[in-house]
Amino acid sequence: MGDGGISLDALFETIVERVGAIEGVAAIVLGGSRARGTARPDSDVDIGIYYEADRPFRVQPFHLVA
């Protein structure tokens, strides 16, 4: 990130570890310009989370890892 903060790769790794550990999460995907390889330094980060369809969705576990 250029300012001495956490790198985007490290941030993605942390997100995948924490969100991937939530029961019912089937997949985590990167989208948008970062997935296409066309991101600029000021580009946002688009993350999609796929959840198992046969499970009731609970938002609380996501708040706990945020």
C-alpha atoms as a PDB file:
ATOM      1  CA  MET A   1       0.000   0.000   0.000  1.00  0.00           C
ATOM      2  CA  GLY A   2       3.008   2.238  -0.111  1.00  0.00           C
ATOM      3  CA  ASP A   3       2.491   3.986   3.225  1.00  0.00           C
ATOM      4  CA  GLY A   4       4.158   1.382   5.396  1.00  0.00           C
ATOM      5  CA  GLY A   5       0.828  -0.350   6.057  1.00  0.00           C
ATOM      6  CA  ILE A   6      -0.143  -3.913   5.299  1.00  0.00           C
ATOM      7  CA  SER A   7       0.335  -5.016   1.680  1.00  0.00           C
ATOM      8  CA  LEU A   8      -2.693  -5.950  -0.409  1.00  0.00           C
ATOM      9  CA  ASP A   9      -1.398  -9.520  -0.726  1.00  0.00           C
ATOM     10  CA  ALA A  10      -1.194  -9.813   3.060  1.00  0.00           C
ATOM     11  CA  LEU A  11      -4.651  -8.263   3.404  1.00  0.00           C
ATOM     12  CA  PHE A  12      -6.148 -10.737   0.911  1.00  0.00           C
ATOM     13  CA  GLU A  13      -4.467 -13.627   2.704  1.00  0.00           C
ATOM     14  CA  THR A  14      -5.925 -12.483   6.031  1.00  0.00           C
ATOM     15  CA  ILE A  15      -9.392 -12.085   4.523  1.00  0.00           C
ATOM     16  CA  VAL A  16      -9.272 -15.562   2.982  1.00  0.00           C
ATOM     17  CA  GLU A  17      -8.083 -17.116   6.263  1.00  0.00           C
ATOM     18  CA  ARG A  18     -10.697 -15.413   8.439  1.00  0.00           C
ATOM     19  CA  VAL A  19     -13.697 -15.480   6.123  1.00  0.00           C
ATOM     20  CA  GLY A  20     -12.843 -18.942   4.801  1.00  0.00           C
ATOM     21  CA  ALA A  21     -13.044 -20.284   8.350  1.00  0.00           C
ATOM     22  CA  ILE A  22     -16.693 -19.212   8.675  1.00  0.00           C
ATOM     23  CA  GLU A  23     -19.004 -22.202   8.527  1.00  0.00           C
ATOM     24  CA  GLY A  24     -20.997 -22.180   5.299  1.00  0.00           C
ATOM     25  CA  VAL A  25     -18.559 -20.150   3.197  1.00  0.00           C
ATOM     26  CA  ALA A  26     -18.004 -22.079  -0.035  1.00  0.00           C
ATOM     27  CA  ALA A  27     -15.650 -19.725  -1.916  1.00  0.00           C
ATOM     28  CA  ILE A  28     -14.036 -16.298  -1.822  1.00  0.00           C
ATOM     29  CA  VAL A  29     -13.260 -14.572  -5.118  1.00  0.00           C
ATOM     30  CA  LEU A  30     -11.465 -11.433  -6.186  1.00  0.00           C
ATOM     31  CA  GLY A  31     -13.225  -9.419  -8.869  1.00  0.00           C
ATOM     32  CA  GLY A  32     -13.034  -6.162 -10.738  1.00  0.00           C
ATOM     33  CA  SER A  33      -9.890  -4.442 -11.921  1.00  0.00           C
ATOM     34  CA  ARG A  34      -7.642  -6.234  -9.428  1.00  0.00           C
ATOM     35  CA  ALA A  35      -8.747  -9.630 -10.772  1.00  0.00           C
ATOM     36  CA  ARG A  36      -8.288  -8.435 -14.353  1.00  0.00           C
ATOM     37  CA  GLY A  37      -4.834  -7.037 -13.578  1.00  0.00           C
ATOM     38  CA  THR A  38      -5.841  -3.502 -14.573  1.00  0.00           C
ATOM     39  CA  ALA A  39      -6.000  -1.939 -11.095  1.00  0.00           C
ATOM     40  CA  ARG A  40      -4.521   1.475 -10.371  1.00  0.00           C
ATOM     41  CA  PRO A  41      -3.128   2.464  -6.956  1.00  0.00           C
ATOM     42  CA  ASP A  42      -6.456   4.129  -6.092  1.00  0.00           C
ATOM     43  CA  SER A  43      -8.629   1.199  -7.243  1.00  0.00           C
ATOM     44  CA  ASP A  44     -11.063  -0.348  -4.810  1.00  0.00           C
ATOM     45  CA  VAL A  45     -11.112  -4.039  -3.915  1.00  0.00           C
ATOM     46  CA  ASP A  46     -14.050  -6.185  -5.059  1.00  0.00           C
ATOM     47  CA  ILE A  47     -14.476  -9.406  -3.096  1.00  0.00           C
ATOM     48  CA  GLY A  48     -17.267 -11.925  -3.617  1.00  0.00           C
ATOM     49  CA  ILE A  49     -18.248 -14.494  -1.022  1.00  0.00           C
ATOM     50  CA  TYR A  50     -20.167 -17.594  -2.073  1.00  0.00           C
ATOM     51  CA  TYR A  51     -22.209 -19.248   0.653  1.00  0.00           C
ATOM     52  CA  GLU A  52     -23.574 -22.788   0.711  1.00  0.00           C
ATOM     53  CA  ALA A  53     -27.164 -22.595  -0.541  1.00  0.00           C
ATOM     54  CA  ASP A  54     -28.504 -25.249   1.824  1.00  0.00           C
ATOM     55  CA  ARG A  55     -27.426 -23.324   4.942  1.00  0.00           C
ATOM     56  CA  PRO A  56     -29.204 -20.394   6.528  1.00  0.00           C
ATOM     57  CA  PHE A  57     -27.089 -17.273   6.091  1.00  0.00           C
ATOM     58  CA  ARG A  58     -25.902 -15.694   9.339  1.00  0.00           C
ATOM     59  CA  VAL A  59     -24.266 -12.275   9.240  1.00  0.00           C
ATOM     60  CA  GLN A  60     -22.885 -12.316  12.817  1.00  0.00           C
ATOM     61  CA  PRO A  61     -19.794 -14.448  12.015  1.00  0.00           C
ATOM     62  CA  PHE A  62     -18.798 -11.898   9.371  1.00  0.00           C
ATOM     63  CA  HIS A  63     -19.029  -9.070  11.902  1.00  0.00           C
ATOM     64  CA  LEU A  64     -16.774 -11.023  14.250  1.00  0.00           C
ATOM     65  CA  VAL A  65     -13.957 -11.275  11.682  1.00  0.00           C
ATOM     66  CA  ALA A  66     -14.258  -7.693  10.416  1.00  0.00           C
END
